[in-house]
Amino acid sequence: MEKASTVGNALENVRTATQELHRAITDTLAKRASATKAEVEQLINQAKAADEAARSAMRTQQGAIKQQMTEAVEKLEAARKHASESLKSSGEAFHSSLNKALADVRAATQKISEAVAAARSERAAKQAPTRQAS
């Protein structure tokens, strides 16, 4: 029971990290021209940390949950790539790269949320008393 709770917490922690990354990218995009290189580098670091946490949580999963986490990791990698590309650009190209990163983080967060829901369902199914046929 403790292991299931720990695994669930790990998934929820990853989801929280991706939600915070999403907020940070949105805030950076809102700044438009005043966004700094340091802020974008911080986004890249946040994406890397979320990616590593997702990979760690994924190692303990099986089946559909593992697949959802694999897809989330792929999206987080893409987000990191797009954020890195934004460092090399300015103006519309900068915003385009960050918008792509934002879309990837949104998709990763969705996949992680699906994994959290599936993990909760699995836990509930295991905890539900089994009924014997009469």
Foldseek 3Di string as FASTA:
>chain_A
DVVLVVLLVLLVVLLVLLVVLLVLLVVQVVVAQVRDPVSLVVSLVSLVVSLVSLVVSLVPDDDLLNVLSVLLSVLSVQLSVLSVVLSVDHDPSNSVSSVSSSVSSVSSSVSSVVSSVVSVVVVVVVPDDDDDDD
